[in-house]
């Protein structure tokens, strides 16, 4: 089967559109290699986790279009997109990926800064006099 599987992953303000094609394990992130786009080994291993759990590492070509957010958010978005694509590919992967929490969208976002405050919740220093 040489069909392409599409999936979307989101984390913080990052969005990943992922295209999974059966192949030799080639990675392309916005036109760059995986190690080049994500230089931190911890992020690379987190991204590859869904493949490692389903024993499919190296059997798919991954093309990802990433937008918004920072390095960590984008890595989380890619991980979710890969997990969702693997479930689309084979429904038997769902139980294993769910067990490790890879199908859950991490909905935590940055809270907005409020007026009259130093940050979202931090206040300016109080002065009695």
Protein backbone atom coordinates (compact mmCIF):
# COMPACT_ATOMS: atom_id res chain seq x y z
CA UNK A 1 0.00 0.00 0.00
CA UNK A 2 1.65 3.22 -1.15
CA UNK A 3 -0.98 5.66 0.01
CA UNK A 4 -0.14 8.82 1.87
CA UNK A 5 -1.62 9.34 5.33
CA UNK A 6 -2.30 12.89 6.49
CA UNK A 7 -2.57 14.01 10.11
CA UNK A 8 -2.55 17.24 12.08
CA UNK A 9 -0.93 17.76 15.47
CA UNK A 10 -1.04 20.80 17.73
CA UNK A 11 0.86 21.81 20.87
CA UNK A 12 0.92 25.28 22.47
CA UNK A 13 0.68 27.58 19.44
CA UNK A 14 2.47 25.20 17.05
CA UNK A 15 0.69 23.34 14.26
CA UNK A 16 2.08 20.38 12.32
CA UNK A 17 0.64 19.06 9.06
CA UNK A 18 2.16 15.61 8.59
CA UNK A 19 2.33 13.35 5.55
CA UNK A 20 3.27 9.71 6.23
CA UNK A 21 4.29 7.54 3.26
CA UNK A 22 5.63 3.97 3.37
CA UNK A 23 9.36 4.24 2.67
CA UNK A 24 12.85 4.04 4.11
CA UNK A 25 12.61 6.36 7.12
CA UNK A 26 13.43 9.70 5.48
CA UNK A 27 12.51 12.77 7.56
CA UNK A 28 11.72 16.21 6.15
CA UNK A 29 10.76 19.08 8.45
CA UNK A 30 10.01 22.27 6.50
CA UNK A 31 12.48 21.08 3.86
CA UNK A 32 15.24 20.20 6.36
CA UNK A 33 16.40 16.95 7.97
CA UNK A 34 15.09 15.94 11.41
CA UNK A 35 18.43 16.35 13.24
CA UNK A 36 19.03 19.66 11.52
CA UNK A 37 15.59 21.10 12.36
CA UNK A 38 15.53 19.74 15.94
CA UNK A 39 19.16 19.78 17.16
CA UNK A 40 18.30 18.60 20.70
CA UNK A 41 18.48 14.78 21.02
CA UNK A 42 15.72 14.78 23.66
CA UNK A 43 13.28 16.33 21.18
CA UNK A 44 14.29 13.88 18.44
CA UNK A 45 13.70 10.89 20.72
CA UNK A 46 10.34 12.32 21.83
CA UNK A 47 9.31 12.76 18.19
CA UNK A 48 10.34 9.18 17.33
CA UNK A 49 8.54 7.69 20.36
CA UNK A 50 5.30 6.73 18.51
CA UNK A 51 7.34 4.83 15.89
CA UNK A 52 9.44 3.12 18.58
CA UNK A 53 6.35 1.96 20.49
CA UNK A 54 4.70 0.51 17.39
CA UNK A 55 7.97 -1.01 16.02
CA UNK A 56 7.65 0.97 12.77
CA UNK A 57 10.79 3.15 13.08
CA UNK A 58 12.42 3.44 9.67
CA UNK A 59 9.50 2.02 7.68
CA UNK A 60 7.87 5.37 6.81
CA UNK A 61 8.95 8.59 5.15
CA UNK A 62 7.80 11.61 7.15
CA UNK A 63 7.17 15.02 5.63
CA UNK A 64 6.06 17.69 8.08
CA UNK A 65 5.00 21.29 7.53
CA UNK A 66 5.44 23.14 10.82
CA UNK A 67 4.05 26.54 11.67
CA UNK A 68 4.00 28.73 14.79
CA UNK A 69 5.29 28.18 18.29
CA UNK A 70 8.80 27.34 19.42
CA UNK A 71 11.04 24.30 19.22
CA UNK A 72 9.40 22.36 22.07
CA UNK A 73 5.85 23.10 20.91
CA UNK A 74 6.65 22.07 17.35
CA UNK A 75 8.22 18.82 18.54
CA UNK A 76 5.09 18.04 20.56
CA UNK A 77 2.91 18.82 17.55
CA UNK A 78 4.93 16.45 15.33
CA UNK A 79 4.71 13.68 17.96
CA UNK A 80 0.91 13.97 18.17
CA UNK A 81 0.57 14.06 14.38
CA UNK A 82 2.70 10.91 14.00
CA UNK A 83 0.65 9.10 16.66
CA UNK A 84 -2.61 10.08 14.94
CA UNK A 85 -1.27 8.98 11.54
CA UNK A 86 -0.22 5.58 12.93
CA UNK A 87 -3.73 5.07 14.32
CA UNK A 88 -5.22 5.94 10.91
CA UNK A 89 -2.84 3.39 9.39
CA UNK A 90 -3.66 0.59 11.83
CA UNK A 91 -6.36 0.76 14.52
CA UNK A 92 -4.43 -1.81 16.63
CA UNK A 93 -1.83 0.89 17.37
CA UNK A 94 -4.41 2.94 19.31
CA UNK A 95 -4.26 0.94 22.56
CA UNK A 96 -0.46 1.06 22.81
CA UNK A 97 -0.21 4.78 21.93
CA UNK A 98 -3.09 5.69 24.30
CA UNK A 99 -1.35 3.78 27.11
CA UNK A 100 1.68 6.09 26.83
CA UNK A 101 -0.50 9.20 26.46
CA UNK A 102 0.58 9.98 22.91
CA UNK A 103 -2.93 10.51 21.54
CA UNK A 104 -3.88 13.16 24.08
CA UNK A 105 -3.69 16.75 22.87
CA UNK A 106 -1.81 18.82 25.46
CA UNK A 107 -4.20 21.79 25.66
CA UNK A 108 -2.03 23.99 27.89
CA UNK A 109 -1.58 27.43 26.36
CA UNK A 110 0.23 30.55 27.57
CA UNK A 111 -2.11 32.67 29.69
CA UNK A 112 -2.44 36.24 28.50
CA UNK A 113 -0.92 39.18 30.35
CA UNK A 114 -3.53 41.19 32.26
CA UNK A 115 -3.57 44.99 32.54
CA UNK A 116 -2.19 46.36 35.80
CA UNK A 117 -0.04 43.27 36.32
CA UNK A 118 3.58 42.42 35.58
CA UNK A 119 2.57 39.18 33.82
CA UNK A 120 -0.45 36.90 33.63
CA UNK A 121 -0.64 36.55 37.41
CA UNK A 122 2.42 38.26 38.85
CA UNK A 123 1.75 41.61 40.46
CA UNK A 124 3.97 44.66 40.72
CA UNK A 125 5.73 45.10 44.06
CA UNK A 126 3.38 46.40 46.74
CA UNK A 127 4.40 49.55 48.57
CA UNK A 128 2.51 50.55 51.71
CA UNK A 129 3.98 54.09 51.69
